[in-house]
Amino acid sequence: MRQGLGSNNWVVSGAHSATGKPLLANDTHLELSIPSIWYEVHLTAPGWDVKGVTFPGAPMIIIGHNDHIAWGFTNNGADVQDLYIETFNPASPDEYRVKGAWTKAQVIDETIRIKGQPDEHLKIVVTRHGPIVHREGDKAYALRWTATEPGGLVNSYNWLGKAHNWKEFREIMRHVWGPGQNAVYADVEGNIGYLMAARVPIRKKGHGEVPVPGDTDDYEWTGYIPFDQLPQALNPESGLIVTANARVVGPNYKPYLTDRWDEPYRTARIYDLLHDRHDLRPEDMLKVQTDTYSYPHLFLADQLMAAAKIAQPKDPRARTLIEGLKDWNGIADAGSPEVSFLHAARRAAIDLLLEPFLGKDTNLYHWRSTAFLQKVLTDRPAKWLPAAYKNYDELLAAAADLAVTNLAEQTKSGRVEDWAWKYFNSLDMFHPLGHDGLLKRFLSITDKPQAGTVYSVRAATKYHGPAMRFVGNPGNWDESILLLPAGQSGQPGSSHYSDQFSYWYEGQPVFAAFSDAAEANARRHALTLKPGS
């Protein structure tokens, strides 16, 4: 199953809400762990009143709201890294070739101190393009990355809590250089907005998809795309802005941003659930965040049912499952064997299509294989049909047979009843010390059946998923929602170690009090730290 970084965020105008004010939602899809990667903070100080989430140890709020605006982020996949093929001098291994002449590389000796053992030394070789990340003989890859450029790690996230309007928010985001983000925005005045924040290089030649020669200037960076030329929107007529790591510009947009857009399934589902609503409340936004509909699985179900009218699978279990798909509604329930079957059939179909061209390495790279499969099954081009099949219906029948064989092998059971999705996609959230034995039982949350797929708005995989959920409500900040997967405390034994898990798991809201009165009413404990005299 494809796993990785991703997120959802969206914002609706007051025309879509019950209060006439905007609503903003954000959930970041990361590796799930205990303690959580995120930490809830309400920061108050002279000139500051900000609530949201941050990384433990970070000084300010990264995602959240103040008393004027709310904001959230998703990764936009901007292509900000290039690999250059450097040629080193066999007679002098720290020299590399630049435009026909040998040039001395920078060599850094990093000392790694190890308690009770001798120091280790790590030799870092840096060319004009960046550090060498892999070397074989006299050839090596140098990585150029915006994060290693001067000022590349400077960002302005810390100051977002000071912004009071779109103009101020936009000016702060102008200085957020990485990682590349899709930012959505809402404010108490009723405005909604979107902007892309990234330091995206302009390349003299090519787009950086593959390693390029490093001994020439033909592939150098000539600058960065100006902030004002990056995608932006303020108060669109639709009153709805959605980003979920998919394409945010049309095919004619110039200059080049990336080809690493995610598949559009989550984005499409969010639009479908929101575009005709005019009564949305924060709880409705949470329901969208926890939606488990899976577009590509429903598409494949339709394809398998149509193919079975032409070419029947040989395995009776495959025929029974395909027959049952006519009653399946696209919701990926934990108890559904249909989802397991479709997931296995998707993988089998991709393998059958590509193995004649790629051998067994059809899943070696991160790429949009599901979108590829959907395109091929829609258009059915002869060039992709393996010679072993007369038509795509036969290929789909073979994929169905292979799917049930694989499911039986994985579960060690030939019974369809034992193929429920929960057996393949249970949730595990581990504490670093709780992977095995008794500590696993007391420190980690494991083997929890969960609905959804990687293509659902509720992106659900075994180890990755929504690492936080946030709904900002400018109409009443006290009715904003903020949820962590387990709890605020990382201290085992604390009552707050996992007290949010049931709400997160079941998709129930936890309202995040913001005003002094609401916080006083919600407060159960207070810890005041006083500096020593």
Protein backbone atom coordinates (compact mmCIF):
# COMPACT_ATOMS: atom_id res chain seq x y z
CA MET A 1 0.00 0.00 0.00
CA ARG A 2 1.25 3.44 -0.86
CA GLN A 3 2.14 5.44 2.24
CA GLY A 4 3.72 8.76 2.71
CA LEU A 5 3.28 12.36 3.54
CA GLY A 6 0.05 14.04 2.62
CA SER A 7 -2.73 16.12 4.09
CA ASN A 8 -6.14 17.66 3.52
CA ASN A 9 -7.14 21.26 3.91
CA TRP A 10 -10.04 23.32 2.68
CA VAL A 11 -11.94 26.47 3.42
CA VAL A 12 -15.56 27.43 2.72
CA SER A 13 -17.03 30.91 2.60
CA GLY A 14 -19.97 32.04 4.69
CA ALA A 15 -22.27 31.23 1.78
CA HIS A 16 -21.72 27.55 2.60
CA SER A 17 -21.95 27.75 6.40
CA ALA A 18 -24.81 27.94 8.87
CA THR A 19 -23.38 31.07 10.51
CA GLY A 20 -22.56 33.12 7.44
CA LYS A 21 -18.88 33.04 8.44
CA PRO A 22 -16.13 30.93 6.85
CA LEU A 23 -14.99 27.55 8.13
CA LEU A 24 -11.49 26.13 7.68
CA ALA A 25 -10.37 22.50 8.04
CA ASN A 26 -6.94 20.87 8.09
CA ASP A 27 -5.67 17.38 8.90
CA THR A 28 -2.05 16.42 8.32
CA HIS A 29 -1.29 12.85 7.22
CA LEU A 30 1.93 11.67 8.84
CA GLU A 31 3.29 8.67 10.66
CA LEU A 32 1.13 8.02 13.72
CA SER A 33 2.94 7.59 17.00
CA ILE A 34 2.64 8.04 20.73
CA PRO A 35 3.48 10.74 21.70
CA SER A 36 2.07 12.58 18.70
CA ILE A 37 4.31 14.60 16.42
CA TRP A 38 2.02 17.56 17.17
CA TYR A 39 1.46 19.36 20.49
CA GLU A 40 -1.50 21.60 21.34
CA VAL A 41 -0.68 25.11 22.53
CA HIS A 42 -2.62 28.24 23.44
CA LEU A 43 -0.01 30.98 23.43
CA THR A 44 -0.85 34.22 25.22
CA ALA A 45 1.57 37.09 25.74
CA PRO A 46 1.54 40.82 25.08
CA GLY A 47 0.45 41.06 21.43
CA TRP A 48 -0.16 37.31 21.15
CA ASP A 49 -3.33 35.22 21.50
CA VAL A 50 -2.91 32.15 19.29
CA LYS A 51 -4.16 28.57 19.56
CA GLY A 52 -3.30 25.50 17.51
CA VAL A 53 -0.60 22.89 17.12
CA THR A 54 3.16 23.02 16.94
CA PHE A 55 6.12 20.67 17.19
CA PRO A 56 7.35 20.09 20.73
CA GLY A 57 10.06 22.64 21.34
CA ALA A 58 9.04 24.95 18.51
CA PRO A 59 8.37 28.46 19.82
CA MET A 60 5.16 29.37 17.97
CA ILE A 61 1.95 27.95 16.46
CA ILE A 62 2.35 26.33 13.04
CA ILE A 63 -1.33 25.51 12.27
CA GLY A 64 -4.21 27.19 14.08
CA HIS A 65 -5.89 30.55 14.65
CA ASN A 66 -5.70 33.81 16.54
CA ASP A 67 -8.68 36.07 17.22
CA HIS A 68 -8.68 37.37 13.62
CA ILE A 69 -7.63 34.60 11.21
CA ALA A 70 -7.24 30.83 10.84
CA TRP A 71 -4.81 28.97 8.59
CA GLY A 72 -3.75 25.46 7.61
CA PHE A 73 -1.27 23.68 5.34
CA THR A 74 -0.76 20.73 3.02
CA ASN A 75 2.37 19.72 1.14
CA ASN A 76 2.32 20.86 -2.49
CA GLY A 77 5.19 18.71 -3.72
CA ALA A 78 7.16 21.56 -5.27
CA ASP A 79 10.27 20.19 -7.01
CA VAL A 80 13.05 21.83 -5.03
CA GLN A 81 15.78 19.18 -5.34
CA ASP A 82 18.04 18.20 -8.23
CA LEU A 83 20.72 15.53 -8.56
CA TYR A 84 23.87 16.39 -10.50
CA ILE A 85 26.23 13.72 -11.84
CA GLU A 86 29.73 14.78 -10.83
CA THR A 87 32.93 13.30 -12.28
CA PHE A 88 35.86 12.97 -9.86
CA ASN A 89 39.56 12.82 -10.67
CA PRO A 90 40.88 9.23 -10.31
CA ALA A 91 44.32 10.63 -9.50
CA SER A 92 43.03 13.10 -6.89
CA PRO A 93 39.74 11.86 -5.40
CA ASP A 94 38.70 15.20 -3.88
CA GLU A 95 38.80 16.99 -7.24
CA TYR A 96 35.83 17.05 -9.60
CA ARG A 97 35.39 18.32 -13.13
CA VAL A 98 33.76 21.68 -13.89
CA LYS A 99 33.64 22.78 -17.54
CA GLY A 100 36.67 20.70 -18.48
CA ALA A 101 38.90 21.61 -15.52
CA TRP A 102 39.50 19.89 -12.18
CA THR A 103 38.19 21.81 -9.17
CA LYS A 104 38.85 21.10 -5.50
CA ALA A 105 35.74 20.00 -3.60
CA GLN A 106 35.07 21.21 -0.08
CA VAL A 107 35.80 18.46 2.44
CA ILE A 108 34.23 18.59 5.90
CA ASP A 109 35.25 16.22 8.67
CA GLU A 110 32.29 15.64 10.99
CA THR A 111 33.15 14.19 14.38
CA ILE A 112 30.55 11.91 15.96
CA ARG A 113 31.18 11.37 19.65
CA ILE A 114 30.02 8.03 21.07
CA LYS A 115 29.91 7.42 24.80
CA GLY A 116 32.41 4.80 25.87
CA GLN A 117 33.79 4.37 22.37
CA PRO A 118 36.27 6.16 20.12
CA ASP A 119 34.98 9.06 18.06
CA GLU A 120 33.83 8.31 14.55
CA HIS A 121 34.66 10.62 11.67
CA LEU A 122 32.36 11.20 8.72
CA LYS A 123 33.85 12.72 5.59
CA ILE A 124 31.44 15.07 3.81
CA VAL A 125 32.36 16.10 0.27
CA VAL A 126 30.60 19.18 -1.09
CA THR A 127 30.63 20.34 -4.72
CA ARG A 128 29.30 23.58 -6.16
CA HIS A 129 25.90 21.88 -6.37
CA GLY A 130 25.83 20.50 -2.84
CA PRO A 131 26.89 17.48 -0.80
CA ILE A 132 27.71 14.13 -2.38
CA VAL A 133 24.97 11.67 -1.40
CA HIS A 134 26.18 8.63 -3.35
CA ARG A 135 29.48 7.74 -5.02
CA GLU A 136 30.71 4.85 -7.13
CA GLY A 137 34.26 5.10 -8.40
CA ASP A 138 34.79 8.42 -10.14
CA LYS A 139 31.05 9.13 -10.54
CA ALA A 140 28.88 10.63 -7.81
CA TYR A 141 25.53 12.29 -7.20
CA ALA A 142 25.51 15.78 -5.68
CA LEU A 143 22.25 17.02 -4.19
CA ARG A 144 21.16 20.59 -4.74
CA TRP A 145 18.24 21.48 -2.48
CA THR A 146 16.68 24.80 -1.62
CA ALA A 147 16.95 23.95 2.09
CA THR A 148 20.75 24.01 1.81
CA GLU A 149 20.84 27.31 -0.08
CA PRO A 150 21.65 30.50 1.88
CA GLY A 151 18.63 31.30 4.03
CA GLY A 152 16.93 28.08 3.02
CA LEU A 153 15.98 27.07 6.55
CA VAL A 154 14.71 30.51 7.53
CA ASN A 155 10.92 30.65 7.63
CA SER A 156 8.18 32.88 8.95
CA TYR A 157 5.75 30.29 10.35
CA ASN A 158 6.48 31.64 13.80
CA TRP A 159 4.94 34.99 12.92
CA LEU A 160 1.64 33.80 11.44
CA GLY A 161 -0.06 34.31 14.79
CA LYS A 162 0.57 38.05 14.47
CA ALA A 163 -1.34 38.43 11.19
CA HIS A 164 -4.75 40.11 11.40
CA ASN A 165 -5.84 40.05 7.74
CA TRP A 166 -5.09 38.61 4.30
CA LYS A 167 -2.52 41.28 3.45
CA GLU A 168 -0.49 40.59 6.58
CA PHE A 169 -0.86 36.83 6.23
CA ARG A 170 0.29 36.97 2.62
CA GLU A 171 3.31 39.10 3.49
CA ILE A 172 4.42 36.64 6.16
CA MET A 173 3.95 33.68 3.80
CA ARG A 174 6.12 35.45 1.24
CA HIS A 175 9.08 34.51 3.45
CA VAL A 176 8.14 30.85 3.98
CA TRP A 177 10.62 29.15 1.65
CA GLY A 178 10.18 25.53 2.55
CA PRO A 179 9.01 22.93 2.67
CA GLY A 180 6.60 23.91 -0.10
CA GLN A 181 3.08 24.39 1.22
CA ASN A 182 -0.51 24.92 0.11
CA ALA A 183 -1.89 27.43 2.62
CA VAL A 184 -5.60 28.06 3.14
CA TYR A 185 -6.92 31.07 5.04
CA ALA A 186 -10.13 32.36 6.65
CA ASP A 187 -10.86 35.46 8.72
CA VAL A 188 -13.58 37.03 10.85
CA GLU A 189 -14.39 39.52 8.08
CA GLY A 190 -15.60 36.65 5.87
CA ASN A 191 -12.61 36.35 3.54
CA ILE A 192 -11.17 33.04 2.37
CA GLY A 193 -7.96 32.53 0.46
CA TYR A 194 -5.28 30.21 -0.83
CA LEU A 195 -1.63 30.64 -1.69
CA MET A 196 1.32 28.46 -2.50
CA ALA A 197 4.44 29.14 -0.47
CA ALA A 198 7.71 27.68 -1.72
CA ARG A 199 11.12 28.64 -3.01
CA VAL A 200 10.88 26.91 -6.40
CA PRO A 201 14.00 27.04 -8.60
CA ILE A 202 13.99 28.24 -12.19
CA ARG A 203 16.16 25.89 -14.24
CA LYS A 204 18.14 26.93 -17.30
CA LYS A 205 17.34 23.60 -18.95
CA GLY A 206 15.07 20.69 -18.07
CA HIS A 207 12.84 20.21 -15.04
CA GLY A 208 15.10 18.15 -12.79
CA GLU A 209 13.12 14.90 -13.02
CA VAL A 210 16.30 12.87 -13.62
CA PRO A 211 19.98 13.35 -12.70
CA VAL A 212 21.76 15.81 -15.00
CA PRO A 213 25.42 16.43 -15.91
CA GLY A 214 27.21 18.48 -13.27
CA ASP A 215 30.30 19.48 -15.26
CA THR A 216 28.41 21.97 -17.41
CA ASP A 217 26.38 25.10 -16.67
CA ASP A 218 23.51 23.94 -18.91
CA TYR A 219 21.37 22.74 -15.99
CA GLU A 220 22.07 25.45 -13.44
CA TRP A 221 19.43 27.27 -11.43
CA THR A 222 18.99 30.85 -12.57
CA GLY A 223 16.80 32.05 -9.71
CA TYR A 224 13.50 31.32 -8.03
CA ILE A 225 9.90 31.74 -9.15
CA PRO A 226 8.73 35.10 -7.76
CA PHE A 227 6.20 34.76 -4.96
CA ASP A 228 3.64 36.85 -6.86
CA GLN A 229 3.73 34.34 -9.75
CA LEU A 230 2.90 31.36 -7.53
CA PRO A 231 -0.74 30.16 -7.44
CA GLN A 232 -2.99 32.32 -5.26
CA ALA A 233 -6.72 32.94 -4.82
CA LEU A 234 -8.84 35.27 -2.70
CA ASN A 235 -12.60 34.91 -2.32
CA PRO A 236 -13.29 32.72 -5.38
CA GLU A 237 -16.83 32.82 -6.73
CA SER A 238 -17.43 29.21 -5.73
CA GLY A 239 -16.79 30.00 -2.08
CA LEU A 240 -14.77 26.80 -1.79
CA ILE A 241 -11.03 26.06 -1.91
CA VAL A 242 -9.69 22.51 -1.48
CA THR A 243 -6.15 21.16 -1.54
CA ALA A 244 -5.19 17.56 -0.81
CA ASN A 245 -1.71 17.35 -2.37
CA ALA A 246 -3.18 17.12 -5.88
CA ARG A 247 -2.62 19.52 -8.80
CA VAL A 248 -3.46 23.13 -7.93
CA VAL A 249 -2.76 24.68 -11.36
CA GLY A 250 -4.03 24.03 -14.85
CA PRO A 251 -1.95 22.30 -17.55
CA ASN A 252 -1.08 25.63 -19.17
CA TYR A 253 0.35 27.19 -16.02
CA LYS A 254 3.93 28.36 -16.43
CA PRO A 255 6.56 28.12 -15.00
CA TYR A 256 7.18 24.53 -13.95
CA LEU A 257 6.32 23.64 -10.34
CA THR A 258 6.43 19.84 -10.10
CA ASP A 259 5.19 16.59 -11.57
CA ARG A 260 4.76 15.05 -8.11
CA TRP A 261 1.11 15.96 -7.64
CA ASP A 262 -0.82 13.37 -5.71
CA GLU A 263 -3.76 11.56 -7.28
CA PRO A 264 -6.95 13.66 -7.19
CA TYR A 265 -9.31 11.30 -5.36
CA ARG A 266 -9.37 12.98 -1.94
CA THR A 267 -9.69 16.42 -3.51
CA ALA A 268 -12.62 15.30 -5.68
CA ARG A 269 -14.45 13.70 -2.77
CA ILE A 270 -14.12 16.81 -0.60
CA TYR A 271 -15.54 18.97 -3.40
CA ASP A 272 -18.42 16.54 -3.88
CA LEU A 273 -19.32 16.65 -0.20
CA LEU A 274 -19.14 20.43 0.16
CA HIS A 275 -19.94 22.26 -3.07
CA ASP A 276 -23.76 22.31 -2.71
CA ARG A 277 -23.94 22.69 1.08
CA HIS A 278 -25.11 25.96 2.66
CA ASP A 279 -25.58 24.85 6.26
CA LEU A 280 -22.15 23.64 7.27
CA ARG A 281 -21.06 23.61 10.90
CA PRO A 282 -17.73 22.58 12.44
CA GLU A 283 -19.07 19.08 13.10
CA ASP A 284 -19.86 18.72 9.38
CA MET A 285 -16.27 19.57 8.51
CA LEU A 286 -15.13 16.83 10.89
CA LYS A 287 -17.48 14.37 9.16
CA VAL A 288 -15.80 15.19 5.86
CA GLN A 289 -12.36 14.69 7.43
CA THR A 290 -13.44 11.19 8.51
CA ASP A 291 -15.17 10.19 5.26
CA THR A 292 -14.11 6.72 4.05
CA TYR A 293 -15.42 6.69 0.48
CA SER A 294 -12.78 5.41 -1.97
CA TYR A 295 -13.18 6.54 -5.60
CA PRO A 296 -10.60 4.26 -7.26
CA HIS A 297 -11.99 1.16 -5.56
CA LEU A 298 -15.50 1.97 -6.78
CA PHE A 299 -14.16 2.56 -10.29
CA LEU A 300 -12.45 -0.82 -10.26
CA ALA A 301 -15.63 -2.46 -8.93
CA ASP A 302 -17.53 -1.15 -11.96
CA GLN A 303 -14.79 -2.38 -14.29
CA LEU A 304 -14.77 -5.87 -12.76
CA MET A 305 -18.55 -6.20 -12.93
CA ALA A 306 -18.59 -5.12 -16.57
CA ALA A 307 -15.68 -7.43 -17.45
CA ALA A 308 -17.35 -10.43 -15.78
CA LYS A 309 -20.13 -10.25 -18.37
CA ILE A 310 -17.51 -10.99 -21.04
CA ALA A 311 -14.85 -13.04 -19.23
CA GLN A 312 -15.63 -14.84 -15.98
CA PRO A 313 -12.90 -15.48 -13.38
CA LYS A 314 -12.08 -19.15 -12.87
CA ASP A 315 -12.19 -19.02 -9.07
CA PRO A 316 -15.77 -19.23 -7.71
CA ARG A 317 -14.81 -16.96 -4.80
CA ALA A 318 -13.82 -14.23 -7.25
CA ARG A 319 -17.11 -14.64 -9.08
CA THR A 320 -19.05 -14.41 -5.80
CA LEU A 321 -17.20 -11.28 -4.71
CA ILE A 322 -17.73 -9.59 -8.07
CA GLU A 323 -21.43 -10.42 -7.92
CA GLY A 324 -21.60 -8.81 -4.47
CA LEU A 325 -20.00 -5.59 -5.69
CA LYS A 326 -23.31 -4.44 -7.16
CA ASP A 327 -24.46 -3.69 -3.60
CA TRP A 328 -21.24 -1.97 -2.52
CA ASN A 329 -21.49 1.82 -2.16
CA GLY A 330 -17.83 2.80 -2.17
CA ILE A 331 -17.53 3.15 1.61
CA ALA A 332 -14.43 1.32 2.82
CA ASP A 333 -15.80 -0.26 6.01
CA ALA A 334 -13.43 -2.20 8.25
CA GLY A 335 -15.62 -5.30 8.02
CA SER A 336 -15.84 -5.32 4.22
CA PRO A 337 -14.16 -8.19 2.32
CA GLU A 338 -15.04 -6.34 -0.89
CA VAL A 339 -12.50 -3.61 -0.09
CA SER A 340 -9.78 -6.20 0.53
CA PHE A 341 -10.67 -7.91 -2.75
CA LEU A 342 -10.62 -4.65 -4.71
CA HIS A 343 -7.34 -3.59 -3.14
CA ALA A 344 -5.74 -6.91 -4.07
CA ALA A 345 -7.28 -6.86 -7.56
CA ARG A 346 -5.94 -3.36 -8.18
CA ARG A 347 -2.41 -4.47 -7.30
CA ALA A 348 -2.78 -7.64 -9.39
CA ALA A 349 -4.05 -5.71 -12.43
CA ILE A 350 -1.11 -3.30 -12.27
CA ASP A 351 1.34 -6.20 -12.02
CA LEU A 352 -0.25 -8.04 -14.96
CA LEU A 353 -0.12 -4.89 -17.07
CA LEU A 354 3.44 -3.87 -16.28
CA GLU A 355 5.41 -7.05 -15.65
CA PRO A 356 5.86 -7.69 -19.40
CA PHE A 357 7.61 -4.30 -19.54
CA LEU A 358 9.25 -3.94 -16.11
CA GLY A 359 9.59 -7.43 -14.73
CA LYS A 360 8.80 -7.84 -11.03
CA ASP A 361 9.72 -4.26 -10.09
CA THR A 362 6.29 -2.75 -10.78
CA ASN A 363 6.08 -1.23 -7.30
CA LEU A 364 9.68 -0.12 -6.93
CA TYR A 365 9.06 3.61 -7.23
CA HIS A 366 6.59 6.10 -5.78
CA TRP A 367 4.32 6.97 -8.71
CA ARG A 368 0.64 7.41 -9.55
CA SER A 369 -0.05 3.78 -10.39
CA THR A 370 -3.75 3.93 -9.54
CA ALA A 371 -4.36 6.88 -11.86
CA PHE A 372 -2.40 4.99 -14.53
CA LEU A 373 -4.61 1.93 -14.08
CA GLN A 374 -7.77 4.02 -14.27
CA LYS A 375 -6.57 5.71 -17.47
CA VAL A 376 -5.66 2.38 -19.10
CA LEU A 377 -8.93 0.69 -18.17
CA THR A 378 -10.90 3.69 -19.41
CA ASP A 379 -9.12 4.03 -22.77
CA ARG A 380 -8.03 0.37 -23.18
CA PRO A 381 -5.09 1.06 -25.52
CA ALA A 382 -3.75 -1.94 -27.42
CA LYS A 383 -0.12 -1.02 -26.62
CA TRP A 384 -0.56 -1.80 -22.91
CA LEU A 385 -2.51 -5.06 -23.28
CA PRO A 386 -0.15 -8.01 -22.62
CA ALA A 387 0.00 -10.60 -25.38
CA ALA A 388 -1.35 -13.26 -23.02
CA TYR A 389 -4.84 -11.70 -23.12
CA LYS A 390 -7.27 -11.16 -25.96
CA ASN A 391 -8.81 -8.12 -24.29
CA TYR A 392 -8.87 -6.17 -21.04
CA ASP A 393 -11.85 -8.15 -19.76
CA GLU A 394 -9.68 -11.27 -19.72
CA LEU A 395 -6.93 -9.38 -17.91
CA LEU A 396 -9.40 -8.21 -15.25
CA ALA A 397 -10.71 -11.74 -14.80
CA ALA A 398 -7.13 -12.94 -14.29
CA ALA A 399 -6.52 -10.11 -11.81
CA ALA A 400 -9.61 -11.17 -9.85
CA ASP A 401 -8.36 -14.77 -9.68
CA LEU A 402 -4.92 -13.63 -8.60
CA ALA A 403 -6.46 -11.35 -5.95
CA VAL A 404 -8.37 -14.13 -4.18
CA THR A 405 -5.31 -16.39 -4.33
CA ASN A 406 -3.23 -13.68 -2.66
CA LEU A 407 -5.89 -12.97 -0.02
CA ALA A 408 -6.10 -16.66 0.86
CA GLU A 409 -2.32 -16.85 1.18
CA GLN A 410 -2.07 -13.75 3.34
CA THR A 411 -4.84 -14.80 5.73
CA LYS A 412 -4.10 -18.54 5.55
CA SER A 413 -7.82 -18.98 5.00
CA GLY A 414 -9.86 -19.73 1.91
CA ARG A 415 -13.03 -18.28 3.46
CA VAL A 416 -14.18 -14.91 2.14
CA GLU A 417 -15.48 -14.12 5.63
CA ASP A 418 -11.89 -14.01 6.86
CA TRP A 419 -10.86 -11.40 4.32
CA ALA A 420 -12.39 -8.34 5.99
CA TRP A 421 -10.49 -5.11 5.39
CA LYS A 422 -9.68 -4.81 9.11
CA TYR A 423 -7.31 -7.76 8.82
CA PHE A 424 -5.23 -5.94 6.22
CA ASN A 425 -5.48 -2.34 7.39
CA SER A 426 -5.60 -2.34 11.19
CA LEU A 427 -4.21 0.71 12.97
CA ASP A 428 -0.93 0.65 14.91
CA MET A 429 0.36 3.64 16.89
CA PHE A 430 3.59 2.76 18.63
CA HIS A 431 5.47 4.34 21.47
CA PRO A 432 9.23 4.18 20.73
CA LEU A 433 9.65 1.69 23.58
CA GLY A 434 6.41 -0.16 22.96
CA HIS A 435 6.93 -2.33 19.91
CA ASP A 436 7.03 -5.71 21.67
CA GLY A 437 6.00 -7.60 24.76
CA LEU A 438 4.41 -6.09 27.85
CA LEU A 439 5.50 -2.54 27.01
CA LYS A 440 3.62 -2.75 23.72
CA ARG A 441 0.43 -3.53 25.63
CA PHE A 442 0.80 -0.59 28.01
CA LEU A 443 2.46 2.05 25.85
CA SER A 444 1.07 1.56 22.33
CA ILE A 445 -2.32 1.40 20.63
CA THR A 446 -2.34 -1.48 18.15
CA ASP A 447 -4.53 -3.77 16.06
CA LYS A 448 -7.47 -1.37 15.92
CA PRO A 449 -9.85 -2.08 13.00
CA GLN A 450 -10.21 1.02 10.87
CA ALA A 451 -12.27 2.09 7.90
CA GLY A 452 -10.92 3.99 4.91
CA THR A 453 -8.11 3.59 2.42
CA VAL A 454 -5.15 5.70 1.39
CA TYR A 455 -7.48 7.26 -1.22
CA SER A 456 -10.20 8.25 1.27
CA VAL A 457 -10.43 11.71 2.82
CA ARG A 458 -9.74 9.82 6.03
CA ALA A 459 -6.43 8.57 4.69
CA ALA A 460 -6.16 5.32 6.61
CA THR A 461 -3.14 3.05 6.44
CA LYS A 462 -1.57 0.86 9.08
CA TYR A 463 1.00 3.34 10.36
CA HIS A 464 0.07 6.64 8.68
CA GLY A 465 -3.00 8.82 8.95
CA PRO A 466 -4.36 12.11 10.34
CA ALA A 467 -1.77 13.19 12.91
CA MET A 468 -4.10 16.02 13.97
CA ARG A 469 -7.51 17.39 13.02
CA PHE A 470 -8.33 21.08 13.12
CA VAL A 471 -11.49 22.99 12.24
CA GLY A 472 -11.26 26.75 12.64
CA ASN A 473 -14.52 28.63 13.16
CA PRO A 474 -14.15 32.42 12.78
CA GLY A 475 -17.85 32.76 13.65
CA ASN A 476 -17.11 31.50 17.17
CA TRP A 477 -13.54 30.54 17.96
CA ASP A 478 -14.74 28.63 21.05
CA GLU A 479 -16.44 26.17 18.69
CA SER A 480 -13.29 25.34 16.79
CA ILE A 481 -12.21 21.68 16.87
CA LEU A 482 -8.74 20.40 17.71
CA LEU A 483 -7.85 16.71 18.01
CA LEU A 484 -4.72 14.63 18.47
CA PRO A 485 -4.64 10.88 17.74
CA ALA A 486 -3.82 9.84 21.32
CA GLY A 487 -3.39 12.59 23.87
CA GLN A 488 -1.57 15.74 24.85
CA SER A 489 0.76 14.05 27.33
CA GLY A 490 3.64 11.83 26.35
CA GLN A 491 3.96 10.57 29.91
CA PRO A 492 2.69 6.98 30.32
CA GLY A 493 0.28 6.83 33.23
CA SER A 494 -1.00 10.36 32.70
CA SER A 495 -4.76 10.66 32.32
CA HIS A 496 -4.03 12.66 29.17
CA TYR A 497 -1.74 10.06 27.58
CA SER A 498 -4.49 8.69 25.30
CA ASP A 499 -7.69 10.45 26.38
CA GLN A 500 -8.31 11.89 22.90
CA PHE A 501 -7.98 8.57 21.08
CA SER A 502 -11.64 7.53 21.24
CA TYR A 503 -12.74 10.92 19.86
CA TRP A 504 -10.15 10.80 17.07
CA TYR A 505 -10.86 7.14 16.26
CA GLU A 506 -14.65 7.55 16.19
CA GLY A 507 -14.62 10.96 14.48
CA GLN A 508 -16.15 12.83 17.40
CA PRO A 509 -15.40 16.51 18.08
CA VAL A 510 -13.37 17.99 20.89
CA PHE A 511 -14.04 21.72 20.99
CA ALA A 512 -11.01 23.87 21.70
CA ALA A 513 -11.98 26.69 24.04
CA PHE A 514 -10.32 29.99 23.17
CA SER A 515 -11.91 32.86 25.08
CA ASP A 516 -11.00 33.39 28.73
CA ALA A 517 -14.53 32.50 29.84
CA ALA A 518 -14.69 29.31 27.77
CA GLU A 519 -11.26 28.21 28.93
CA ALA A 520 -12.14 28.84 32.57
CA ASN A 521 -15.28 26.74 32.13
CA ALA A 522 -13.41 23.90 30.40
CA ARG A 523 -10.36 23.86 32.65
CA ARG A 524 -9.89 20.79 34.83
CA HIS A 525 -6.29 21.29 35.93
CA ALA A 526 -3.82 24.17 35.99
CA LEU A 527 -0.05 24.04 36.34
CA THR A 528 1.71 27.34 36.90
CA LEU A 529 5.47 27.51 36.48
CA LYS A 530 7.08 30.35 38.44
CA PRO A 531 10.69 31.37 37.96
CA GLY A 532 12.90 31.00 40.96
CA SER A 533 13.66 34.06 43.01
